[in-house]
Amino acid sequence: MASGEAAEHPCVTPDLLDRYAAGDRDAYNLLFETIYDDLRRRAHWMAKNAGRTLSTTAVLHEAYIKLAGGELSLNDESHFFALAARAMRQVVLNAARDRGAEKRGGNLVQTTMKSGLMVGAEPAVDFLSLEQALLRLSDASPRLAQVVELHFFAGLGFPEIARLLELSERTVARDWRAARAILQLQLDSSANPTDEPA
């Protein structure tokens, strides 16, 4: 399994997903437990980059609560994993906003758009700026933003994303390259604003 990709778990059956969608709490607990290790790795990455005020356990706990209501129609395990990653992303974003309100510059994380999920030796990226760039990308091209969320935040590989979005892997790879380039331009622009008046 490639780094950052969601594993396939044989006990996640269509029946289990249907039971979760119907609000069955036992099905939800089993589903969450089944992909717990994958979610914990993703939560650890997010918590580490969110700063010292947020723990891996806190990220997982908040995501668990956000998804506990059920009543969501799921296509497959990857879909649930993507929803869980979105919930964790919201937890980390809220923490970054809270820190940003407390002190200037508290929302910087060490990350890169050049690779799927790896924390690299790239310059620090402002998580809130990344979120704003994603929102602008979503307005212009919802599919590109969705590919970024699924690959960069959810940790899904191109095959899983292709299946989830009913696209070819080649299209997903092309979308990822385009989205990454657009986001990098936006992040560079916000990090280095021109001195000229608008």
N, C-alpha and C. Protein backbone atom coordinates (compact mmCIF):
# COMPACT_ATOMS: atom_id res chain seq x y z
N MET A 1 0.84 -1.19 0.00
CA MET A 1 0.00 0.00 0.00
C MET A 1 0.88 1.24 0.00
N ALA A 2 0.62 2.17 -0.89
CA ALA A 2 1.40 3.40 -0.97
C ALA A 2 1.14 4.25 0.26
N SER A 3 2.15 5.03 0.64
CA SER A 3 2.02 5.90 1.80
C SER A 3 0.84 6.83 1.64
N GLY A 4 0.02 6.90 2.70
CA GLY A 4 -1.11 7.83 2.68
C GLY A 4 -2.37 7.29 2.06
N GLU A 5 -2.32 6.09 1.49
CA GLU A 5 -3.52 5.57 0.84
C GLU A 5 -4.36 4.79 1.83
N ALA A 6 -5.66 4.87 1.67
CA ALA A 6 -6.58 4.11 2.52
C ALA A 6 -6.50 2.65 2.13
N ALA A 7 -6.48 1.79 3.14
CA ALA A 7 -6.45 0.36 2.88
C ALA A 7 -7.86 -0.14 2.61
N GLU A 8 -7.94 -1.26 1.92
CA GLU A 8 -9.24 -1.90 1.72
C GLU A 8 -9.44 -2.89 2.87
N HIS A 9 -10.59 -2.82 3.50
CA HIS A 9 -10.89 -3.69 4.63
C HIS A 9 -12.03 -4.62 4.23
N PRO A 10 -11.77 -5.93 4.20
CA PRO A 10 -12.77 -6.87 3.70
C PRO A 10 -14.06 -6.90 4.51
N CYS A 11 -14.03 -6.52 5.81
CA CYS A 11 -15.26 -6.60 6.60
C CYS A 11 -16.16 -5.39 6.39
N VAL A 12 -15.72 -4.41 5.59
CA VAL A 12 -16.60 -3.29 5.25
C VAL A 12 -17.44 -3.73 4.06
N THR A 13 -18.66 -4.14 4.34
CA THR A 13 -19.56 -4.68 3.32
C THR A 13 -20.62 -3.65 2.96
N PRO A 14 -21.26 -3.81 1.80
CA PRO A 14 -22.37 -2.92 1.46
C PRO A 14 -23.46 -2.91 2.53
N ASP A 15 -23.70 -4.09 3.15
CA ASP A 15 -24.71 -4.17 4.21
C ASP A 15 -24.33 -3.29 5.40
N LEU A 16 -23.05 -3.31 5.78
CA LEU A 16 -22.58 -2.48 6.89
C LEU A 16 -22.74 -1.00 6.56
N LEU A 17 -22.41 -0.61 5.34
CA LEU A 17 -22.55 0.78 4.92
C LEU A 17 -24.03 1.20 4.91
N ASP A 18 -24.90 0.29 4.46
CA ASP A 18 -26.33 0.59 4.45
C ASP A 18 -26.86 0.76 5.88
N ARG A 19 -26.40 -0.10 6.79
CA ARG A 19 -26.83 0.00 8.19
C ARG A 19 -26.37 1.32 8.80
N TYR A 20 -25.13 1.72 8.48
CA TYR A 20 -24.64 3.01 8.97
C TYR A 20 -25.50 4.15 8.42
N ALA A 21 -25.78 4.10 7.11
CA ALA A 21 -26.57 5.15 6.47
C ALA A 21 -27.97 5.25 7.09
N ALA A 22 -28.47 4.13 7.62
CA ALA A 22 -29.79 4.12 8.25
C ALA A 22 -29.74 4.57 9.71
N GLY A 23 -28.54 4.89 10.20
CA GLY A 23 -28.41 5.38 11.57
C GLY A 23 -28.12 4.32 12.61
N ASP A 24 -27.71 3.11 12.17
CA ASP A 24 -27.39 2.02 13.09
C ASP A 24 -26.07 2.33 13.80
N ARG A 25 -26.14 2.59 15.10
CA ARG A 25 -24.96 3.00 15.88
C ARG A 25 -23.91 1.88 15.93
N ASP A 26 -24.35 0.62 16.05
CA ASP A 26 -23.41 -0.49 16.09
C ASP A 26 -22.63 -0.59 14.77
N ALA A 27 -23.34 -0.38 13.67
CA ALA A 27 -22.68 -0.42 12.35
C ALA A 27 -21.66 0.70 12.25
N TYR A 28 -22.02 1.87 12.75
CA TYR A 28 -21.10 3.01 12.71
C TYR A 28 -19.84 2.71 13.52
N ASN A 29 -20.02 2.18 14.74
CA ASN A 29 -18.87 1.85 15.58
C ASN A 29 -17.96 0.84 14.91
N LEU A 30 -18.56 -0.19 14.29
CA LEU A 30 -17.77 -1.20 13.61
C LEU A 30 -17.03 -0.61 12.42
N LEU A 31 -17.71 0.23 11.67
CA LEU A 31 -17.10 0.87 10.51
C LEU A 31 -15.92 1.74 10.95
N PHE A 32 -16.11 2.52 12.00
CA PHE A 32 -15.06 3.41 12.49
C PHE A 32 -13.88 2.59 13.01
N GLU A 33 -14.18 1.51 13.75
CA GLU A 33 -13.11 0.66 14.29
C GLU A 33 -12.32 -0.02 13.17
N THR A 34 -13.02 -0.40 12.10
CA THR A 34 -12.38 -1.11 11.00
C THR A 34 -11.32 -0.26 10.31
N ILE A 35 -11.59 1.02 10.17
CA ILE A 35 -10.62 1.88 9.47
C ILE A 35 -9.86 2.77 10.46
N TYR A 36 -9.93 2.40 11.76
CA TYR A 36 -9.34 3.22 12.81
C TYR A 36 -7.84 3.47 12.58
N ASP A 37 -7.10 2.42 12.25
CA ASP A 37 -5.65 2.58 12.09
C ASP A 37 -5.33 3.56 10.96
N ASP A 38 -6.06 3.45 9.85
CA ASP A 38 -5.85 4.38 8.73
C ASP A 38 -6.21 5.80 9.14
N LEU A 39 -7.34 5.94 9.85
CA LEU A 39 -7.76 7.27 10.30
C LEU A 39 -6.77 7.84 11.31
N ARG A 40 -6.24 6.98 12.17
CA ARG A 40 -5.29 7.45 13.18
C ARG A 40 -4.03 8.00 12.52
N ARG A 41 -3.55 7.32 11.47
CA ARG A 41 -2.37 7.83 10.75
C ARG A 41 -2.66 9.21 10.16
N ARG A 42 -3.84 9.35 9.55
CA ARG A 42 -4.22 10.63 8.96
C ARG A 42 -4.41 11.69 10.05
N ALA A 43 -5.05 11.30 11.17
CA ALA A 43 -5.27 12.24 12.27
C ALA A 43 -3.94 12.66 12.88
N HIS A 44 -3.00 11.73 12.98
CA HIS A 44 -1.67 12.06 13.53
C HIS A 44 -0.98 13.09 12.65
N TRP A 45 -1.05 12.88 11.33
CA TRP A 45 -0.44 13.84 10.40
C TRP A 45 -1.08 15.22 10.56
N MET A 46 -2.41 15.25 10.63
CA MET A 46 -3.10 16.53 10.76
C MET A 46 -2.82 17.20 12.10
N ALA A 47 -2.85 16.41 13.19
CA ALA A 47 -2.62 16.98 14.51
C ALA A 47 -1.19 17.52 14.62
N LYS A 48 -0.24 16.79 14.07
CA LYS A 48 1.16 17.23 14.13
C LYS A 48 1.33 18.56 13.43
N ASN A 49 0.62 18.73 12.34
CA ASN A 49 0.74 19.96 11.57
C ASN A 49 -0.18 21.07 12.07
N ALA A 50 -1.06 20.72 12.99
CA ALA A 50 -1.96 21.73 13.56
C ALA A 50 -1.34 22.42 14.76
N GLY A 51 -0.27 21.87 15.29
CA GLY A 51 0.40 22.49 16.43
C GLY A 51 0.21 21.69 17.70
N ARG A 52 0.84 22.15 18.74
CA ARG A 52 0.87 21.42 20.00
C ARG A 52 -0.47 21.39 20.73
N THR A 53 -1.38 22.24 20.36
CA THR A 53 -2.64 22.33 21.11
C THR A 53 -3.64 21.25 20.72
N LEU A 54 -3.35 20.47 19.70
CA LEU A 54 -4.30 19.47 19.21
C LEU A 54 -3.62 18.12 19.16
N SER A 55 -4.23 17.12 19.78
CA SER A 55 -3.65 15.78 19.80
C SER A 55 -4.32 14.90 18.75
N THR A 56 -3.65 13.81 18.42
CA THR A 56 -4.22 12.83 17.50
C THR A 56 -5.56 12.33 18.02
N THR A 57 -5.61 12.02 19.31
CA THR A 57 -6.85 11.53 19.93
C THR A 57 -7.96 12.56 19.82
N ALA A 58 -7.63 13.83 20.03
CA ALA A 58 -8.65 14.88 19.94
C ALA A 58 -9.21 14.98 18.53
N VAL A 59 -8.34 14.88 17.52
CA VAL A 59 -8.80 14.94 16.14
C VAL A 59 -9.72 13.78 15.84
N LEU A 60 -9.32 12.56 16.25
CA LEU A 60 -10.16 11.38 16.01
C LEU A 60 -11.48 11.48 16.76
N HIS A 61 -11.43 11.92 18.00
CA HIS A 61 -12.64 12.03 18.82
C HIS A 61 -13.64 13.00 18.19
N GLU A 62 -13.16 14.14 17.76
CA GLU A 62 -14.04 15.14 17.13
C GLU A 62 -14.63 14.60 15.83
N ALA A 63 -13.80 13.91 15.04
CA ALA A 63 -14.29 13.34 13.78
C ALA A 63 -15.35 12.28 14.06
N TYR A 64 -15.13 11.47 15.09
CA TYR A 64 -16.10 10.44 15.47
C TYR A 64 -17.45 11.08 15.78
N ILE A 65 -17.43 12.15 16.55
CA ILE A 65 -18.67 12.83 16.93
C ILE A 65 -19.37 13.43 15.71
N LYS A 66 -18.59 14.05 14.82
CA LYS A 66 -19.17 14.69 13.64
C LYS A 66 -19.88 13.68 12.74
N LEU A 67 -19.34 12.45 12.69
CA LEU A 67 -19.90 11.44 11.78
C LEU A 67 -20.90 10.50 12.46
N ALA A 68 -21.06 10.63 13.78
CA ALA A 68 -21.84 9.64 14.54
C ALA A 68 -23.31 9.62 14.18
N GLY A 69 -23.82 10.70 13.61
CA GLY A 69 -25.25 10.75 13.32
C GLY A 69 -25.71 9.80 12.25
N GLY A 70 -24.82 9.34 11.41
CA GLY A 70 -25.23 8.46 10.32
C GLY A 70 -26.09 9.20 9.31
N GLU A 71 -27.04 8.51 8.76
CA GLU A 71 -27.96 9.08 7.78
C GLU A 71 -27.22 9.67 6.59
N LEU A 72 -26.10 9.07 6.25
CA LEU A 72 -25.34 9.48 5.07
C LEU A 72 -25.33 8.33 4.09
N SER A 73 -25.59 8.62 2.84
CA SER A 73 -25.55 7.58 1.82
C SER A 73 -24.09 7.37 1.41
N LEU A 74 -23.62 6.14 1.56
CA LEU A 74 -22.22 5.85 1.26
C LEU A 74 -22.11 4.91 0.07
N ASN A 75 -21.13 5.19 -0.78
CA ASN A 75 -20.88 4.31 -1.92
C ASN A 75 -20.03 3.12 -1.52
N ASP A 76 -18.99 3.38 -0.73
CA ASP A 76 -18.08 2.33 -0.32
C ASP A 76 -17.22 2.83 0.83
N GLU A 77 -16.26 2.01 1.23
CA GLU A 77 -15.37 2.35 2.34
C GLU A 77 -14.58 3.62 2.07
N SER A 78 -14.12 3.80 0.83
CA SER A 78 -13.35 5.00 0.49
C SER A 78 -14.18 6.26 0.72
N HIS A 79 -15.47 6.17 0.44
CA HIS A 79 -16.36 7.30 0.63
C HIS A 79 -16.44 7.65 2.13
N PHE A 80 -16.59 6.63 2.97
CA PHE A 80 -16.62 6.89 4.41
C PHE A 80 -15.30 7.47 4.88
N PHE A 81 -14.20 6.91 4.39
CA PHE A 81 -12.87 7.39 4.76
C PHE A 81 -12.73 8.87 4.37
N ALA A 82 -13.22 9.23 3.19
CA ALA A 82 -13.15 10.62 2.73
C ALA A 82 -13.98 11.54 3.63
N LEU A 83 -15.17 11.08 4.05
CA LEU A 83 -16.00 11.87 4.95
C LEU A 83 -15.32 12.05 6.30
N ALA A 84 -14.69 10.98 6.79
CA ALA A 84 -13.97 11.07 8.06
C ALA A 84 -12.80 12.04 7.95
N ALA A 85 -12.07 11.98 6.84
CA ALA A 85 -10.94 12.89 6.65
C ALA A 85 -11.42 14.33 6.56
N ARG A 86 -12.58 14.55 5.92
CA ARG A 86 -13.14 15.91 5.84
C ARG A 86 -13.49 16.41 7.24
N ALA A 87 -14.05 15.52 8.06
CA ALA A 87 -14.38 15.91 9.43
C ALA A 87 -13.11 16.27 10.21
N MET A 88 -12.04 15.49 10.02
CA MET A 88 -10.79 15.78 10.71
C MET A 88 -10.19 17.09 10.19
N ARG A 89 -10.30 17.32 8.90
CA ARG A 89 -9.82 18.57 8.33
C ARG A 89 -10.53 19.76 8.97
N GLN A 90 -11.84 19.65 9.19
CA GLN A 90 -12.60 20.73 9.82
C GLN A 90 -12.13 20.96 11.26
N VAL A 91 -11.81 19.88 11.97
CA VAL A 91 -11.32 20.01 13.34
C VAL A 91 -10.00 20.78 13.35
N VAL A 92 -9.09 20.39 12.45
CA VAL A 92 -7.77 21.04 12.39
C VAL A 92 -7.91 22.50 11.95
N LEU A 93 -8.80 22.75 11.00
CA LEU A 93 -9.01 24.12 10.54
C LEU A 93 -9.55 24.99 11.67
N ASN A 94 -10.50 24.46 12.45
CA ASN A 94 -11.02 25.22 13.58
C ASN A 94 -9.93 25.53 14.60
N ALA A 95 -9.04 24.55 14.82
CA ALA A 95 -7.93 24.78 15.76
C ALA A 95 -6.99 25.86 15.22
N ALA A 96 -6.74 25.84 13.91
CA ALA A 96 -5.87 26.85 13.30
C ALA A 96 -6.50 28.23 13.42
N ARG A 97 -7.82 28.30 13.22
CA ARG A 97 -8.52 29.58 13.37
C ARG A 97 -8.44 30.09 14.80
N ASP A 98 -8.63 29.18 15.75
CA ASP A 98 -8.56 29.58 17.16
C ASP A 98 -7.17 30.10 17.51
N ARG A 99 -6.14 29.39 17.06
CA ARG A 99 -4.77 29.83 17.32
C ARG A 99 -4.47 31.14 16.63
N GLY A 100 -4.99 31.29 15.40
CA GLY A 100 -4.77 32.52 14.65
C GLY A 100 -5.39 33.71 15.36
N ALA A 101 -6.49 33.47 16.05
CA ALA A 101 -7.14 34.55 16.79
C ALA A 101 -6.33 34.89 18.04
N GLU A 102 -5.64 33.89 18.59
CA GLU A 102 -4.86 34.13 19.80
C GLU A 102 -3.56 34.85 19.51
N LYS A 103 -2.88 34.43 18.47
CA LYS A 103 -1.62 35.11 18.14
C LYS A 103 -1.34 35.02 16.66
N ARG A 104 -0.80 36.04 16.13
CA ARG A 104 -0.52 36.13 14.71
C ARG A 104 0.51 35.08 14.31
N GLY A 105 0.25 34.40 13.19
CA GLY A 105 1.20 33.41 12.69
C GLY A 105 1.08 32.04 13.33
N GLY A 106 0.07 31.85 14.20
CA GLY A 106 -0.06 30.57 14.88
C GLY A 106 -0.65 29.48 14.02
N ASN A 107 -0.97 29.79 12.77
CA ASN A 107 -1.63 28.81 11.91
C ASN A 107 -0.72 28.27 10.82
N LEU A 108 0.58 28.35 11.02
CA LEU A 108 1.50 27.85 10.01
C LEU A 108 1.76 26.37 10.21
N VAL A 109 1.73 25.64 9.11
CA VAL A 109 2.06 24.22 9.17
C VAL A 109 3.12 23.95 8.12
N GLN A 110 3.91 22.92 8.37
CA GLN A 110 4.97 22.54 7.44
C GLN A 110 4.39 21.50 6.50
N THR A 111 4.17 21.87 5.25
CA THR A 111 3.58 20.94 4.31
C THR A 111 4.00 21.31 2.90
N THR A 112 3.62 20.50 1.95
CA THR A 112 3.95 20.79 0.56
C THR A 112 2.83 20.31 -0.34
N MET A 113 2.57 21.07 -1.38
CA MET A 113 1.58 20.63 -2.37
C MET A 113 2.25 19.80 -3.45
N LYS A 114 3.57 19.60 -3.34
CA LYS A 114 4.28 18.87 -4.39
C LYS A 114 4.10 17.36 -4.26
N SER A 115 3.80 16.89 -3.04
CA SER A 115 3.54 15.47 -2.87
C SER A 115 2.19 15.30 -2.19
N GLY A 116 1.66 14.10 -2.26
CA GLY A 116 0.32 13.88 -1.78
C GLY A 116 0.07 14.32 -0.35
N LEU A 117 0.83 13.81 0.59
CA LEU A 117 0.53 14.09 1.98
C LEU A 117 1.77 14.31 2.82
N MET A 118 2.92 14.20 2.23
CA MET A 118 4.13 14.20 3.01
C MET A 118 4.48 15.58 3.54
N VAL A 119 4.94 15.60 4.77
CA VAL A 119 5.48 16.83 5.33
C VAL A 119 6.92 16.89 4.84
N GLY A 120 7.24 17.95 4.13
CA GLY A 120 8.55 18.02 3.52
C GLY A 120 9.35 19.20 3.99
N ALA A 121 10.44 19.44 3.33
CA ALA A 121 11.33 20.53 3.69
C ALA A 121 11.00 21.78 2.90
N GLU A 122 9.73 21.89 2.50
CA GLU A 122 9.28 23.07 1.77
C GLU A 122 9.04 24.21 2.74
N PRO A 123 8.95 25.45 2.24
CA PRO A 123 8.61 26.56 3.13
C PRO A 123 7.26 26.33 3.80
N ALA A 124 7.10 26.87 4.99
CA ALA A 124 5.85 26.71 5.73
C ALA A 124 4.69 27.30 4.96
N VAL A 125 3.55 26.62 5.02
CA VAL A 125 2.33 27.08 4.37
C VAL A 125 1.33 27.44 5.44
N ASP A 126 0.67 28.55 5.27
CA ASP A 126 -0.37 29.00 6.20
C ASP A 126 -1.61 28.14 5.93
N PHE A 127 -2.03 27.34 6.91
CA PHE A 127 -3.15 26.42 6.74
C PHE A 127 -4.42 27.17 6.39
N LEU A 128 -4.61 28.34 6.99
CA LEU A 128 -5.82 29.11 6.69
C LEU A 128 -5.78 29.65 5.26
N SER A 129 -4.59 30.02 4.79
CA SER A 129 -4.46 30.46 3.39
C SER A 129 -4.74 29.30 2.44
N LEU A 130 -4.28 28.11 2.82
CA LEU A 130 -4.55 26.93 2.00
C LEU A 130 -6.05 26.69 1.93
N GLU A 131 -6.73 26.84 3.06
CA GLU A 131 -8.19 26.64 3.08
C GLU A 131 -8.88 27.67 2.18
N GLN A 132 -8.44 28.93 2.27
CA GLN A 132 -9.03 29.97 1.42
C GLN A 132 -8.79 29.68 -0.06
N ALA A 133 -7.58 29.22 -0.37
CA ALA A 133 -7.26 28.86 -1.76
C ALA A 133 -8.14 27.70 -2.23
N LEU A 134 -8.39 26.73 -1.34
CA LEU A 134 -9.25 25.60 -1.69
C LEU A 134 -10.69 26.05 -1.92
N LEU A 135 -11.15 27.00 -1.11
CA LEU A 135 -12.51 27.50 -1.30
C LEU A 135 -12.65 28.22 -2.64
N ARG A 136 -11.63 29.00 -3.00
CA ARG A 136 -11.66 29.69 -4.31
C ARG A 136 -11.61 28.66 -5.44
N LEU A 137 -10.78 27.64 -5.28
CA LEU A 137 -10.70 26.59 -6.29
C LEU A 137 -12.05 25.87 -6.40
N SER A 138 -12.70 25.64 -5.28
CA SER A 138 -13.99 24.96 -5.28
C SER A 138 -15.04 25.77 -6.03
N ASP A 139 -14.99 27.10 -5.89
CA ASP A 139 -15.92 27.96 -6.63
C ASP A 139 -15.68 27.86 -8.14
N ALA A 140 -14.42 27.82 -8.53
CA ALA A 140 -14.06 27.78 -9.95
C ALA A 140 -14.20 26.38 -10.54
N SER A 141 -13.79 25.37 -9.76
CA SER A 141 -13.82 24.00 -10.27
C SER A 141 -14.02 23.03 -9.09
N PRO A 142 -15.28 22.73 -8.77
CA PRO A 142 -15.55 21.85 -7.63
C PRO A 142 -14.83 20.50 -7.72
N ARG A 143 -14.73 19.95 -8.92
CA ARG A 143 -14.09 18.64 -9.05
C ARG A 143 -12.61 18.69 -8.69
N LEU A 144 -11.91 19.74 -9.13
CA LEU A 144 -10.50 19.86 -8.79
C LEU A 144 -10.32 19.96 -7.28
N ALA A 145 -11.17 20.75 -6.64
CA ALA A 145 -11.09 20.90 -5.18
C ALA A 145 -11.37 19.57 -4.49
N GLN A 146 -12.30 18.81 -5.04
CA GLN A 146 -12.64 17.51 -4.46
C GLN A 146 -11.46 16.54 -4.57
N VAL A 147 -10.77 16.58 -5.70
CA VAL A 147 -9.60 15.72 -5.88
C VAL A 147 -8.53 16.08 -4.85
N VAL A 148 -8.31 17.39 -4.61
CA VAL A 148 -7.34 17.81 -3.60
C VAL A 148 -7.75 17.31 -2.22
N GLU A 149 -9.01 17.47 -1.89
CA GLU A 149 -9.47 17.02 -0.57
C GLU A 149 -9.27 15.52 -0.40
N LEU A 150 -9.63 14.76 -1.41
CA LEU A 150 -9.53 13.31 -1.31
C LEU A 150 -8.09 12.82 -1.29
N HIS A 151 -7.21 13.47 -2.08
CA HIS A 151 -5.83 13.01 -2.16
C HIS A 151 -4.96 13.60 -1.05
N PHE A 152 -5.02 14.91 -0.88
CA PHE A 152 -4.13 15.59 0.06
C PHE A 152 -4.58 15.41 1.51
N PHE A 153 -5.89 15.53 1.75
CA PHE A 153 -6.39 15.45 3.12
C PHE A 153 -6.85 14.05 3.49
N ALA A 154 -7.59 13.38 2.60
CA ALA A 154 -8.09 12.05 2.95
C ALA A 154 -7.05 10.98 2.76
N GLY A 155 -6.02 11.25 1.95
CA GLY A 155 -4.97 10.27 1.74
C GLY A 155 -5.33 9.17 0.77
N LEU A 156 -6.39 9.37 -0.01
CA LEU A 156 -6.78 8.35 -0.99
C LEU A 156 -5.87 8.42 -2.21
N GLY A 157 -5.55 7.26 -2.75
CA GLY A 157 -4.76 7.19 -3.97
C GLY A 157 -5.64 7.45 -5.18
N PHE A 158 -5.00 7.65 -6.33
CA PHE A 158 -5.75 7.95 -7.54
C PHE A 158 -6.75 6.85 -7.92
N PRO A 159 -6.43 5.55 -7.71
CA PRO A 159 -7.44 4.53 -8.04
C PRO A 159 -8.71 4.67 -7.20
N GLU A 160 -8.54 4.95 -5.89
CA GLU A 160 -9.71 5.11 -5.02
C GLU A 160 -10.52 6.34 -5.41
N ILE A 161 -9.81 7.43 -5.72
CA ILE A 161 -10.49 8.66 -6.12
C ILE A 161 -11.24 8.45 -7.43
N ALA A 162 -10.60 7.77 -8.36
CA ALA A 162 -11.24 7.51 -9.66
C ALA A 162 -12.53 6.72 -9.46
N ARG A 163 -12.48 5.71 -8.60
CA ARG A 163 -13.68 4.90 -8.33
C ARG A 163 -14.76 5.74 -7.66
N LEU A 164 -14.36 6.55 -6.69
CA LEU A 164 -15.31 7.36 -5.94
C LEU A 164 -15.99 8.41 -6.81
N LEU A 165 -15.21 9.05 -7.69
CA LEU A 165 -15.75 10.12 -8.53
C LEU A 165 -16.20 9.63 -9.91
N GLU A 166 -16.04 8.32 -10.15
CA GLU A 166 -16.41 7.72 -11.44
C GLU A 166 -15.68 8.40 -12.59
N LEU A 167 -14.36 8.50 -12.42
CA LEU A 167 -13.47 9.07 -13.44
C LEU A 167 -12.38 8.07 -13.74
N SER A 168 -11.62 8.31 -14.80
CA SER A 168 -10.46 7.48 -15.07
C SER A 168 -9.31 7.94 -14.18
N GLU A 169 -8.37 7.03 -13.92
CA GLU A 169 -7.19 7.40 -13.12
C GLU A 169 -6.40 8.50 -13.82
N ARG A 170 -6.35 8.44 -15.14
CA ARG A 170 -5.62 9.46 -15.89
C ARG A 170 -6.25 10.84 -15.67
N THR A 171 -7.58 10.90 -15.66
CA THR A 171 -8.26 12.18 -15.41
C THR A 171 -7.98 12.69 -14.01
N VAL A 172 -8.01 11.78 -13.03
CA VAL A 172 -7.72 12.17 -11.65
C VAL A 172 -6.30 12.71 -11.53
N ALA A 173 -5.34 12.03 -12.15
CA ALA A 173 -3.95 12.49 -12.10
C ALA A 173 -3.82 13.87 -12.75
N ARG A 174 -4.50 14.07 -13.87
CA ARG A 174 -4.47 15.37 -14.55
C ARG A 174 -5.11 16.46 -13.69
N ASP A 175 -6.25 16.12 -13.07
CA ASP A 175 -6.92 17.07 -12.17
C ASP A 175 -6.02 17.44 -11.00
N TRP A 176 -5.33 16.44 -10.43
CA TRP A 176 -4.44 16.70 -9.30
C TRP A 176 -3.32 17.66 -9.71
N ARG A 177 -2.71 17.42 -10.86
CA ARG A 177 -1.63 18.31 -11.31
C ARG A 177 -2.13 19.73 -11.53
N ALA A 178 -3.30 19.86 -12.14
CA ALA A 178 -3.87 21.19 -12.40
C ALA A 178 -4.22 21.89 -11.09
N ALA A 179 -4.87 21.17 -10.18
CA ALA A 179 -5.28 21.76 -8.90
C ALA A 179 -4.06 22.18 -8.09
N ARG A 180 -3.06 21.33 -8.07
CA ARG A 180 -1.83 21.61 -7.31
C ARG A 180 -1.16 22.88 -7.84
N ALA A 181 -1.11 23.01 -9.16
CA ALA A 181 -0.49 24.20 -9.76
C ALA A 181 -1.28 25.46 -9.43
N ILE A 182 -2.60 25.38 -9.51
CA ILE A 182 -3.44 26.54 -9.20
C ILE A 182 -3.29 26.94 -7.74
N LEU A 183 -3.34 25.96 -6.85
CA LEU A 183 -3.21 26.25 -5.42
C LEU A 183 -1.84 26.83 -5.09
N GLN A 184 -0.80 26.28 -5.71
CA GLN A 184 0.55 26.79 -5.44
C GLN A 184 0.68 28.24 -5.88
N LEU A 185 0.10 28.56 -7.04
CA LEU A 185 0.11 29.96 -7.50
C LEU A 185 -0.61 30.87 -6.51
N GLN A 186 -1.77 30.42 -6.03
CA GLN A 186 -2.53 31.22 -5.07
C GLN A 186 -1.77 31.39 -3.77
N LEU A 187 -1.14 30.31 -3.29
CA LEU A 187 -0.39 30.39 -2.04
C LEU A 187 0.84 31.29 -2.20
N ASP A 188 1.52 31.17 -3.33
CA ASP A 188 2.68 32.04 -3.58
C ASP A 188 2.26 33.49 -3.65
N SER A 189 1.11 33.73 -4.27
CA SER A 189 0.60 35.09 -4.41
C SER A 189 0.24 35.69 -3.05
N SER A 190 -0.38 34.89 -2.18
CA SER A 190 -0.77 35.42 -0.86
C SER A 190 0.45 35.57 0.04
N ALA A 191 1.49 34.74 -0.18
CA ALA A 191 2.70 34.86 0.63
C ALA A 191 3.57 36.01 0.21
N ASN A 192 3.48 36.40 -1.08
CA ASN A 192 4.31 37.47 -1.64
C ASN A 192 3.45 38.50 -2.36
N PRO A 193 2.59 39.22 -1.64
CA PRO A 193 1.74 40.19 -2.31
C PRO A 193 2.57 41.33 -2.91
N THR A 194 2.09 41.88 -4.01
CA THR A 194 2.83 42.98 -4.64
C THR A 194 2.59 44.25 -3.85
N ASP A 195 3.52 45.18 -3.96
CA ASP A 195 3.41 46.44 -3.25
C ASP A 195 2.56 47.44 -4.01
N GLU A 196 2.22 47.08 -5.26
CA GLU A 196 1.45 48.02 -6.10
C GLU A 196 0.01 48.05 -5.64
N PRO A 197 -0.62 49.24 -5.66
CA PRO A 197 -2.04 49.32 -5.29
C PRO A 197 -2.90 48.61 -6.30
N ALA A 198 -4.03 48.08 -5.84
CA ALA A 198 -4.94 47.34 -6.74
C ALA A 198 -5.66 48.30 -7.66
